[in-house]
PDB file of N, CA and C in Angstrom:
ATOM      1  N   MET A   1      55.352  63.572  30.735  1.00  0.00           N
ATOM      2  CA  MET A   1      54.893  64.697  31.544  1.00  0.00           C
ATOM      3  C   MET A   1      55.832  64.953  32.734  1.00  0.00           C
ATOM      4  N   ALA A   2      56.191  63.894  33.453  1.00  0.00           N
ATOM      5  CA  ALA A   2      57.063  64.051  34.623  1.00  0.00           C
ATOM      6  C   ALA A   2      58.443  64.559  34.209  1.00  0.00           C
ATOM      7  N   GLU A   3      58.930  64.111  33.049  1.00  0.00           N
ATOM      8  CA  GLU A   3      60.236  64.560  32.571  1.00  0.00           C
ATOM      9  C   GLU A   3      60.227  66.059  32.306  1.00  0.00           C
ATOM     10  N   THR A   4      59.141  66.542  31.719  1.00  0.00           N
ATOM     11  CA  THR A   4      59.020  67.973  31.425  1.00  0.00           C
ATOM     12  C   THR A   4      59.008  68.781  32.719  1.00  0.00           C
ATOM     13  N   PHE A   5      58.263  68.301  33.708  1.00  0.00           N
ATOM     14  CA  PHE A   5      58.204  68.986  34.997  1.00  0.00           C
ATOM     15  C   PHE A   5      59.589  69.042  35.632  1.00  0.00           C
ATOM     16  N   ASN A   6      60.315  67.911  35.584  1.00  0.00           N
ATOM     17  CA  ASN A   6      61.663  67.888  36.161  1.00  0.00           C
ATOM     18  C   ASN A   6      62.598  68.836  35.438  1.00  0.00           C
ATOM     19  N   LEU A   7      62.443  68.975  34.130  1.00  0.00           N
ATOM     20  CA  LEU A   7      63.276  69.906  33.380  1.00  0.00           C
ATOM     21  C   LEU A   7      63.018  71.338  33.831  1.00  0.00           C
ATOM     22  N   TYR A   8      61.736  71.715  33.928  1.00  0.00           N
ATOM     23  CA  TYR A   8      61.403  73.072  34.368  1.00  0.00           C
ATOM     24  C   TYR A   8      61.833  73.313  35.810  1.00  0.00           C
ATOM     25  N   GLU A   9      61.697  72.284  36.624  1.00  0.00           N
ATOM     26  CA  GLU A   9      62.132  72.400  38.012  1.00  0.00           C
ATOM     27  C   GLU A   9      63.648  72.599  38.089  1.00  0.00           C
ATOM     28  N   ALA A  10      64.397  71.862  37.279  1.00  0.00           N
ATOM     29  CA  ALA A  10      65.855  72.013  37.247  1.00  0.00           C
ATOM     30  C   ALA A  10      66.232  73.419  36.799  1.00  0.00           C
ATOM     31  N   ILE A  11      65.536  73.933  35.794  1.00  0.00           N
ATOM     32  CA  ILE A  11      65.817  75.294  35.321  1.00  0.00           C
ATOM     33  C   ILE A  11      65.570  76.297  36.444  1.00  0.00           C
ATOM     34  N   LEU A  12      64.488  76.105  37.202  1.00  0.00           N
ATOM     35  CA  LEU A  12      64.193  76.996  38.330  1.00  0.00           C
ATOM     36  C   LEU A  12      65.336  76.976  39.344  1.00  0.00           C
ATOM     37  N   TRP A  13      65.834  75.777  39.687  1.00  0.00           N
ATOM     38  CA  TRP A  13      66.923  75.672  40.671  1.00  0.00           C
ATOM     39  C   TRP A  13      68.191  76.326  40.148  1.00  0.00           C
ATOM     40  N   PHE A  14      68.458  76.180  38.848  1.00  0.00           N
ATOM     41  CA  PHE A  14      69.646  76.823  38.256  1.00  0.00           C
ATOM     42  C   PHE A  14      69.524  78.342  38.296  1.00  0.00           C
ATOM     43  N   VAL A  15      68.331  78.862  38.020  1.00  0.00           N
ATOM     44  CA  VAL A  15      68.117  80.317  38.060  1.00  0.00           C
ATOM     45  C   VAL A  15      68.318  80.834  39.486  1.00  0.00           C
ATOM     46  N   ILE A  16      67.788  80.119  40.467  1.00  0.00           N
ATOM     47  CA  ILE A  16      67.973  80.517  41.868  1.00  0.00           C
ATOM     48  C   ILE A  16      69.457  80.482  42.228  1.00  0.00           C
ATOM     49  N   ALA A  17      70.164  79.452  41.770  1.00  0.00           N
ATOM     50  CA  ALA A  17      71.598  79.343  42.051  1.00  0.00           C
ATOM     51  C   ALA A  17      72.358  80.529  41.474  1.00  0.00           C
ATOM     52  N   VAL A  18      72.041  80.905  40.242  1.00  0.00           N
ATOM     53  CA  VAL A  18      72.724  82.042  39.608  1.00  0.00           C
ATOM     54  C   VAL A  18      72.404  83.335  40.350  1.00  0.00           C
ATOM     55  N   ALA A  19      71.146  83.502  40.759  1.00  0.00           N
ATOM     56  CA  ALA A  19      70.753  84.713  41.495  1.00  0.00           C
ATOM     57  C   ALA A  19      71.494  84.808  42.829  1.00  0.00           C
ATOM     58  N   LEU A  20      71.570  83.713  43.550  1.00  0.00           N
ATOM     59  CA  LEU A  20      72.279  83.719  44.837  1.00  0.00           C
ATOM     60  C   LEU A  20      73.769  83.984  44.654  1.00  0.00           C
ATOM     61  N   PHE A  21      74.361  83.327  43.664  1.00  0.00           N
ATOM     62  CA  PHE A  21      75.787  83.520  43.419  1.00  0.00           C
ATOM     63  C   PHE A  21      76.072  84.958  42.987  1.00  0.00           C
ATOM     64  N   SER A  22      75.231  85.506  42.128  1.00  0.00           N
ATOM     65  CA  SER A  22      75.403  86.891  41.680  1.00  0.00           C
ATOM     66  C   SER A  22      75.290  87.861  42.849  1.00  0.00           C
ATOM     67  N   THR A  23      74.339  87.614  43.730  1.00  0.00           N
ATOM     68  CA  THR A  23      74.184  88.460  44.915  1.00  0.00           C
ATOM     69  C   THR A  23      75.430  88.396  45.787  1.00  0.00           C
ATOM     70  N   ALA A  24      75.967  87.187  45.960  1.00  0.00           N
ATOM     71  CA  ALA A  24      77.172  87.028  46.788  1.00  0.00           C
ATOM     72  C   ALA A  24      78.362  87.775  46.197  1.00  0.00           C
ATOM     73  N   ILE A  25      78.479  87.775  44.892  1.00  0.00           N
ATOM     74  CA  ILE A  25      79.646  88.373  44.237  1.00  0.00           C
ATOM     75  C   ILE A  25      79.506  89.883  44.070  1.00  0.00           C
ATOM     76  N   PHE A  26      78.340  90.346  43.662  1.00  0.00           N
ATOM     77  CA  PHE A  26      78.194  91.740  43.240  1.00  0.00           C
ATOM     78  C   PHE A  26      77.554  92.676  44.257  1.00  0.00           C
ATOM     79  N   ASP A  27      76.789  92.157  45.209  1.00  0.00           N
ATOM     80  CA  ASP A  27      76.091  93.023  46.161  1.00  0.00           C
ATOM     81  C   ASP A  27      76.943  93.192  47.415  1.00  0.00           C
ATOM     82  N   LYS A  28      77.633  94.301  47.508  1.00  0.00           N
ATOM     83  CA  LYS A  28      78.548  94.548  48.631  1.00  0.00           C
ATOM     84  C   LYS A  28      77.818  94.691  49.964  1.00  0.00           C
ATOM     85  N   SER A  29      76.532  95.040  49.930  1.00  0.00           N
ATOM     86  CA  SER A  29      75.779  95.189  51.174  1.00  0.00           C
ATOM     87  C   SER A  29      75.499  93.835  51.833  1.00  0.00           C
ATOM     88  N   LYS A  30      75.682  92.745  51.080  1.00  0.00           N
ATOM     89  CA  LYS A  30      75.425  91.401  51.614  1.00  0.00           C
ATOM     90  C   LYS A  30      76.716  90.687  52.010  1.00  0.00           C
ATOM     91  N   LYS A  31      77.767  91.439  52.285  1.00  0.00           N
ATOM     92  CA  LYS A  31      79.079  90.858  52.585  1.00  0.00           C
ATOM     93  C   LYS A  31      79.024  89.885  53.768  1.00  0.00           C
ATOM     94  N   LEU A  32      78.221  90.221  54.756  1.00  0.00           N
ATOM     95  CA  LEU A  32      78.068  89.372  55.934  1.00  0.00           C
ATOM     96  C   LEU A  32      77.552  87.982  55.558  1.00  0.00           C
ATOM     97  N   TYR A  33      76.741  87.911  54.508  1.00  0.00           N
ATOM     98  CA  TYR A  33      76.085  86.671  54.106  1.00  0.00           C
ATOM     99  C   TYR A  33      76.796  85.956  52.957  1.00  0.00           C
ATOM    100  N   LYS A  34      77.930  86.465  52.510  1.00  0.00           N
ATOM    101  CA  LYS A  34      78.572  85.989  51.283  1.00  0.00           C
ATOM    102  C   LYS A  34      78.808  84.475  51.283  1.00  0.00           C
ATOM    103  N   THR A  35      79.424  83.937  52.308  1.00  0.00           N
ATOM    104  CA  THR A  35      79.708  82.501  52.360  1.00  0.00           C
ATOM    105  C   THR A  35      78.428  81.694  52.321  1.00  0.00           C
ATOM    106  N   ASN A  36      77.441  82.125  53.090  1.00  0.00           N
ATOM    107  CA  ASN A  36      76.163  81.421  53.124  1.00  0.00           C
ATOM    108  C   ASN A  36      75.479  81.460  51.747  1.00  0.00           C
ATOM    109  N   LEU A  37      75.566  82.587  51.062  1.00  0.00           N
ATOM    110  CA  LEU A  37      74.973  82.705  49.725  1.00  0.00           C
ATOM    111  C   LEU A  37      75.668  81.780  48.728  1.00  0.00           C
ATOM    112  N   ILE A  38      76.977  81.704  48.800  1.00  0.00           N
ATOM    113  CA  ILE A  38      77.716  80.843  47.863  1.00  0.00           C
ATOM    114  C   ILE A  38      77.398  79.369  48.126  1.00  0.00           C
ATOM    115  N   ILE A  39      77.363  78.975  49.382  1.00  0.00           N
ATOM    116  CA  ILE A  39      77.018  77.590  49.709  1.00  0.00           C
ATOM    117  C   ILE A  39      75.598  77.282  49.247  1.00  0.00           C
ATOM    118  N   SER A  40      74.675  78.202  49.470  1.00  0.00           N
ATOM    119  CA  SER A  40      73.291  78.008  49.022  1.00  0.00           C
ATOM    120  C   SER A  40      73.217  77.877  47.505  1.00  0.00           C
ATOM    121  N   ALA A  41      73.988  78.684  46.794  1.00  0.00           N
ATOM    122  CA  ALA A  41      74.008  78.615  45.332  1.00  0.00           C
ATOM    123  C   ALA A  41      74.498  77.244  44.861  1.00  0.00           C
ATOM    124  N   ILE A  42      75.551  76.740  45.491  1.00  0.00           N
ATOM    125  CA  ILE A  42      76.074  75.418  45.133  1.00  0.00           C
ATOM    126  C   ILE A  42      75.031  74.339  45.399  1.00  0.00           C
ATOM    127  N   LEU A  43      74.348  74.447  46.534  1.00  0.00           N
ATOM    128  CA  LEU A  43      73.310  73.466  46.865  1.00  0.00           C
ATOM    129  C   LEU A  43      72.156  73.504  45.857  1.00  0.00           C
ATOM    130  N   PHE A  44      71.721  74.699  45.473  1.00  0.00           N
ATOM    131  CA  PHE A  44      70.641  74.797  44.480  1.00  0.00           C
ATOM    132  C   PHE A  44      71.094  74.258  43.123  1.00  0.00           C
ATOM    133  N   PHE A  45      72.350  74.510  42.759  1.00  0.00           N
ATOM    134  CA  PHE A  45      72.867  73.967  41.501  1.00  0.00           C
ATOM    135  C   PHE A  45      72.861  72.436  41.551  1.00  0.00           C
ATOM    136  N   ALA A  46      73.329  71.867  42.657  1.00  0.00           N
ATOM    137  CA  ALA A  46      73.343  70.408  42.817  1.00  0.00           C
ATOM    138  C   ALA A  46      71.927  69.844  42.792  1.00  0.00           C
ATOM    139  N   PHE A  47      70.986  70.578  43.388  1.00  0.00           N
ATOM    140  CA  PHE A  47      69.598  70.114  43.389  1.00  0.00           C
ATOM    141  C   PHE A  47      69.039  70.123  41.965  1.00  0.00           C
ATOM    142  N   GLY A  48      69.435  71.113  41.170  1.00  0.00           N
ATOM    143  CA  GLY A  48      69.035  71.139  39.765  1.00  0.00           C
ATOM    144  C   GLY A  48      69.604  69.953  39.013  1.00  0.00           C
ATOM    145  N   ILE A  49      70.865  69.636  39.264  1.00  0.00           N
ATOM    146  CA  ILE A  49      71.495  68.456  38.646  1.00  0.00           C
ATOM    147  C   ILE A  49      70.714  67.199  39.028  1.00  0.00           C
ATOM    148  N   SER A  50      70.311  67.123  40.289  1.00  0.00           N
ATOM    149  CA  SER A  50      69.573  65.934  40.732  1.00  0.00           C
ATOM    150  C   SER A  50      68.245  65.796  39.986  1.00  0.00           C
ATOM    151  N   ASP A  51      67.607  66.908  39.635  1.00  0.00           N
ATOM    152  CA  ASP A  51      66.371  66.827  38.853  1.00  0.00           C
ATOM    153  C   ASP A  51      66.643  66.359  37.430  1.00  0.00           C
ATOM    154  N   LEU A  52      67.779  66.748  36.867  1.00  0.00           N
ATOM    155  CA  LEU A  52      68.136  66.250  35.536  1.00  0.00           C
ATOM    156  C   LEU A  52      68.396  64.741  35.581  1.00  0.00           C
ATOM    157  N   ILE A  53      69.032  64.275  36.643  1.00  0.00           N
ATOM    158  CA  ILE A  53      69.255  62.832  36.811  1.00  0.00           C
ATOM    159  C   ILE A  53      67.916  62.123  37.000  1.00  0.00           C
ATOM    160  N   GLU A  54      67.036  62.743  37.776  1.00  0.00           N
ATOM    161  CA  GLU A  54      65.710  62.162  38.021  1.00  0.00           C
ATOM    162  C   GLU A  54      64.931  62.004  36.716  1.00  0.00           C
ATOM    163  N   MET A  55      65.142  62.909  35.771  1.00  0.00           N
ATOM    164  CA  MET A  55      64.483  62.777  34.465  1.00  0.00           C
ATOM    165  C   MET A  55      64.868  61.449  33.809  1.00  0.00           C
ATOM    166  N   GLN A  56      66.114  61.031  33.995  1.00  0.00           N
ATOM    167  CA  GLN A  56      66.600  59.800  33.373  1.00  0.00           C
ATOM    168  C   GLN A  56      66.157  58.554  34.132  1.00  0.00           C
ATOM    169  N   THR A  57      66.120  58.636  35.460  1.00  0.00           N
ATOM    170  CA  THR A  57      65.807  57.447  36.269  1.00  0.00           C
ATOM    171  C   THR A  57      64.312  57.258  36.472  1.00  0.00           C
ATOM    172  N   GLY A  58      63.562  58.364  36.423  1.00  0.00           N
ATOM    173  CA  GLY A  58      62.116  58.266  36.610  1.00  0.00           C
ATOM    174  C   GLY A  58      61.676  58.259  38.067  1.00  0.00           C
ATOM    175  N   ALA A  59      62.608  58.318  38.990  1.00  0.00           N
ATOM    176  CA  ALA A  59      62.248  58.314  40.411  1.00  0.00           C
ATOM    177  C   ALA A  59      63.301  59.078  41.196  1.00  0.00           C
ATOM    178  N   TRP A  60      62.875  59.744  42.244  1.00  0.00           N
ATOM    179  CA  TRP A  60      63.811  60.532  43.052  1.00  0.00           C
ATOM    180  C   TRP A  60      64.581  59.668  44.038  1.00  0.00           C
ATOM    181  N   TRP A  61      64.172  58.424  44.245  1.00  0.00           N
ATOM    182  CA  TRP A  61      64.828  57.560  45.218  1.00  0.00           C
ATOM    183  C   TRP A  61      65.732  56.502  44.560  1.00  0.00           C
ATOM    184  N   ARG A  62      65.759  56.446  43.226  1.00  0.00           N
ATOM    185  CA  ARG A  62      66.607  55.496  42.507  1.00  0.00           C
ATOM    186  C   ARG A  62      67.542  56.252  41.593  1.00  0.00           C
ATOM    187  N   PRO A  63      68.774  55.928  41.530  1.00  0.00           N
ATOM    188  CA  PRO A  63      69.557  55.052  42.394  1.00  0.00           C
ATOM    189  C   PRO A  63      69.764  55.686  43.768  1.00  0.00           C
ATOM    190  N   VAL A  64      70.347  54.939  44.658  1.00  0.00           N
ATOM    191  CA  VAL A  64      70.528  55.400  46.035  1.00  0.00           C
ATOM    192  C   VAL A  64      71.367  56.682  46.075  1.00  0.00           C
ATOM    193  N   GLY A  65      72.324  56.810  45.160  1.00  0.00           N
ATOM    194  CA  GLY A  65      73.149  58.023  45.110  1.00  0.00           C
ATOM    195  C   GLY A  65      72.318  59.276  44.861  1.00  0.00           C
ATOM    196  N   LEU A  66      71.275  59.147  44.050  1.00  0.00           N
ATOM    197  CA  LEU A  66      70.388  60.289  43.789  1.00  0.00           C
ATOM    198  C   LEU A  66      69.626  60.661  45.056  1.00  0.00           C
ATOM    199  N   LEU A  67      69.137  59.671  45.756  1.00  0.00           N
ATOM    200  CA  LEU A  67      68.445  59.924  47.025  1.00  0.00           C
ATOM    201  C   LEU A  67      69.380  60.614  48.013  1.00  0.00           C
ATOM    202  N   MET A  68      70.621  60.155  48.068  1.00  0.00           N
ATOM    203  CA  MET A  68      71.591  60.765  48.981  1.00  0.00           C
ATOM    204  C   MET A  68      71.905  62.203  48.565  1.00  0.00           C
ATOM    205  N   LEU A  69      72.018  62.468  47.261  1.00  0.00           N
ATOM    206  CA  LEU A  69      72.272  63.820  46.777  1.00  0.00           C
ATOM    207  C   LEU A  69      71.122  64.747  47.154  1.00  0.00           C
ATOM    208  N   LYS A  70      69.895  64.314  46.889  1.00  0.00           N
ATOM    209  CA  LYS A  70      68.735  65.146  47.221  1.00  0.00           C
ATOM    210  C   LYS A  70      68.643  65.373  48.732  1.00  0.00           C
ATOM    211  N   SER A  71      68.872  64.330  49.507  1.00  0.00           N
ATOM    212  CA  SER A  71      68.817  64.451  50.972  1.00  0.00           C
ATOM    213  C   SER A  71      69.889  65.409  51.485  1.00  0.00           C
ATOM    214  N   SER A  72      71.083  65.299  50.936  1.00  0.00           N
ATOM    215  CA  SER A  72      72.174  66.190  51.345  1.00  0.00           C
ATOM    216  C   SER A  72      71.840  67.642  51.034  1.00  0.00           C
ATOM    217  N   CYS A  73      71.253  67.876  49.866  1.00  0.00           N
ATOM    218  CA  CYS A  73      70.873  69.246  49.497  1.00  0.00           C
ATOM    219  C   CYS A  73      69.830  69.797  50.465  1.00  0.00           C
ATOM    220  N   ILE A  74      68.835  69.001  50.777  1.00  0.00           N
ATOM    221  CA  ILE A  74      67.770  69.460  51.676  1.00  0.00           C
ATOM    222  C   ILE A  74      68.324  69.751  53.069  1.00  0.00           C
ATOM    223  N   ILE A  75      69.197  68.884  53.562  1.00  0.00           N
ATOM    224  CA  ILE A  75      69.826  69.132  54.863  1.00  0.00           C
ATOM    225  C   ILE A  75      70.677  70.400  54.785  1.00  0.00           C
ATOM    226  N   GLY A  76      71.396  70.569  53.688  1.00  0.00           N
ATOM    227  CA  GLY A  76      72.195  71.776  53.491  1.00  0.00           C
ATOM    228  C   GLY A  76      71.345  73.037  53.457  1.00  0.00           C
ATOM    229  N   PHE A  77      70.182  72.959  52.792  1.00  0.00           N
ATOM    230  CA  PHE A  77      69.263  74.105  52.768  1.00  0.00           C
ATOM    231  C   PHE A  77      68.856  74.487  54.189  1.00  0.00           C
ATOM    232  N   ALA A  78      68.552  73.477  54.996  1.00  0.00           N
ATOM    233  CA  ALA A  78      68.136  73.740  56.381  1.00  0.00           C
ATOM    234  C   ALA A  78      69.260  74.420  57.166  1.00  0.00           C
ATOM    235  N   PHE A  79      70.482  73.921  57.028  1.00  0.00           N
ATOM    236  CA  PHE A  79      71.619  74.536  57.731  1.00  0.00           C
ATOM    237  C   PHE A  79      71.859  75.970  57.254  1.00  0.00           C
ATOM    238  N   CYS A  80      71.759  76.196  55.949  1.00  0.00           N
ATOM    239  CA  CYS A  80      71.952  77.556  55.423  1.00  0.00           C
ATOM    240  C   CYS A  80      70.873  78.499  55.946  1.00  0.00           C
ATOM    241  N   PHE A  81      69.648  78.008  56.036  1.00  0.00           N
ATOM    242  CA  PHE A  81      68.572  78.845  56.569  1.00  0.00           C
ATOM    243  C   PHE A  81      68.839  79.194  58.033  1.00  0.00           C
ATOM    244  N   LEU A  82      69.253  78.191  58.816  1.00  0.00           N
ATOM    245  CA  LEU A  82      69.553  78.450  60.230  1.00  0.00           C
ATOM    246  C   LEU A  82      70.722  79.420  60.377  1.00  0.00           C
ATOM    247  N   LYS A  83      71.730  79.277  59.535  1.00  0.00           N
ATOM    248  CA  LYS A  83      72.878  80.191  59.575  1.00  0.00           C
ATOM    249  C   LYS A  83      72.439  81.605  59.197  1.00  0.00           C
ATOM    250  N   TYR A  84      71.565  81.717  58.182  1.00  0.00           N
ATOM    251  CA  TYR A  84      71.031  83.023  57.789  1.00  0.00           C
ATOM    252  C   TYR A  84      70.295  83.674  58.962  1.00  0.00           C
ATOM    253  N   ARG A  85      69.466  82.900  59.655  1.00  0.00           N
ATOM    254  CA  ARG A  85      68.742  83.456  60.814  1.00  0.00           C
ATOM    255  C   ARG A  85      69.707  83.904  61.895  1.00  0.00           C
ATOM    256  N   GLN A  86      70.746  83.127  62.138  1.00  0.00           N
ATOM    257  CA  GLN A  86      71.751  83.484  63.136  1.00  0.00           C
ATOM    258  C   GLN A  86      72.475  84.768  62.734  1.00  0.00           C
ATOM    259  N   LEU A  87      72.875  84.864  61.479  1.00  0.00           N
ATOM    260  CA  LEU A  87      73.562  86.067  61.007  1.00  0.00           C
ATOM    261  C   LEU A  87      72.651  87.285  61.078  1.00  0.00           C
ATOM    262  N   SER A  88      71.392  87.112  60.719  1.00  0.00           N
ATOM    263  CA  SER A  88      70.443  88.224  60.768  1.00  0.00           C
ATOM    264  C   SER A  88      70.234  88.707  62.193  1.00  0.00           C
ATOM    265  N   LYS A  89      70.137  87.761  63.132  1.00  0.00           N
ATOM    266  CA  LYS A  89      69.957  88.125  64.535  1.00  0.00           C
ATOM    267  C   LYS A  89      71.189  88.869  65.045  1.00  0.00           C
ATOM    268  N   ASN A  90      72.366  88.353  64.708  1.00  0.00           N
ATOM    269  CA  ASN A  90      73.610  89.006  65.144  1.00  0.00           C
ATOM    270  C   ASN A  90      73.732  90.399  64.534  1.00  0.00           C
ATOM    271  N   LYS A  91      73.333  90.542  63.290  1.00  0.00           N
ATOM    272  CA  LYS A  91      73.386  91.849  62.632  1.00  0.00           C
ATOM    273  C   LYS A  91      72.451  92.825  63.345  1.00  0.00           C
ATOM    274  N   GLY A  92      71.273  92.345  63.725  1.00  0.00           N
ATOM    275  CA  GLY A  92      70.331  93.182  64.461  1.00  0.00           C
ATOM    276  C   GLY A  92      70.885  93.590  65.812  1.00  0.00           C
ATOM    277  N   ASP A  93      71.543  92.670  66.498  1.00  0.00           N
ATOM    278  CA  ASP A  93      72.154  92.975  67.800  1.00  0.00           C
ATOM    279  C   ASP A  93      73.246  94.031  67.648  1.00  0.00           C
ATOM    280  N   ILE A  94      74.055  93.908  66.599  1.00  0.00           N
ATOM    281  CA  ILE A  94      75.126  94.876  66.361  1.00  0.00           C
ATOM    282  C   ILE A  94      74.541  96.255  66.086  1.00  0.00           C
ATOM    283  N   LEU A  95      73.478  96.316  65.285  1.00  0.00           N
ATOM    284  CA  LEU A  95      72.840  97.603  64.987  1.00  0.00           C
ATOM    285  C   LEU A  95      72.255  98.224  66.251  1.00  0.00           C
ATOM    286  N   ASP A  96      71.642  97.385  67.118  1.00  0.00           N
ATOM    287  CA  ASP A  96      71.094  97.892  68.378  1.00  0.00           C
ATOM    288  C   ASP A  96      72.200  98.484  69.257  1.00  0.00           C
ATOM    289  N   GLN A  97      73.342  97.800  69.311  1.00  0.00           N
ATOM    290  CA  GLN A  97      74.452  98.298  70.118  1.00  0.00           C
ATOM    291  C   GLN A  97      74.966  99.627  69.586  1.00  0.00           C
ATOM    292  N   LYS A  98      75.041  99.769  68.279  1.00  0.00           N
ATOM    293  CA  LYS A  98      75.503 101.026  67.681  1.00  0.00           C
ATOM    294  C   LYS A  98      74.531 102.156  67.984  1.00  0.00           C
ATOM    295  N   GLN A  99      73.242 101.868  67.954  1.00  0.00           N
ATOM    296  CA  GLN A  99      72.247 102.902  68.244  1.00  0.00           C
ATOM    297  C   GLN A  99      72.319 103.302  69.720  1.00  0.00           C
ATOM    298  N   GLN A 100      72.564 102.348  70.590  1.00  0.00           N
ATOM    299  CA  GLN A 100      72.663 102.654  72.014  1.00  0.00           C
ATOM    300  C   GLN A 100      73.915 103.486  72.301  1.00  0.00           C
ATOM    301  N   GLN A 101      74.974 103.249  71.578  1.00  0.00           N
ATOM    302  CA  GLN A 101      76.203 104.011  71.769  1.00  0.00           C
ATOM    303  C   GLN A 101      76.021 105.457  71.318  1.00  0.00           C
ATOM    304  N   LYS A 102      75.210 105.690  70.312  1.00  0.00           N
ATOM    305  CA  LYS A 102      74.960 107.044  69.820  1.00  0.00           C
ATOM    306  C   LYS A 102      74.111 107.854  70.803  1.00  0.00           C
ATOM    307  N   ALA A 103      73.250 107.148  71.529  1.00  0.00           N
ATOM    308  CA  ALA A 103      72.326 107.826  72.433  1.00  0.00           C
ATOM    309  C   ALA A 103      72.967 108.291  73.700  1.00  0.00           C
TER     310      ALA A 103
END
């Protein structure tokens, strides 16, 4: 049962990775976020790999390398989220300045 769940979970992470990478490459309106999207895609892909490894080991904390991989991905997700918030705030500030210049 746990192996099946990990397989579906890995597939979900791979789908998210492909969606993020596709957005970074093909959506020109997201140019500001391109680097962050690509890094996020790589992290989600690695997290999917970690679930495939977890299927074999039976635990997310064994071996230690798997624990480190999962921990690194989670820390990376947090940094990408913070960077996204920073970019969004800066984008909003730039738009406000442009509107003030028009007025």
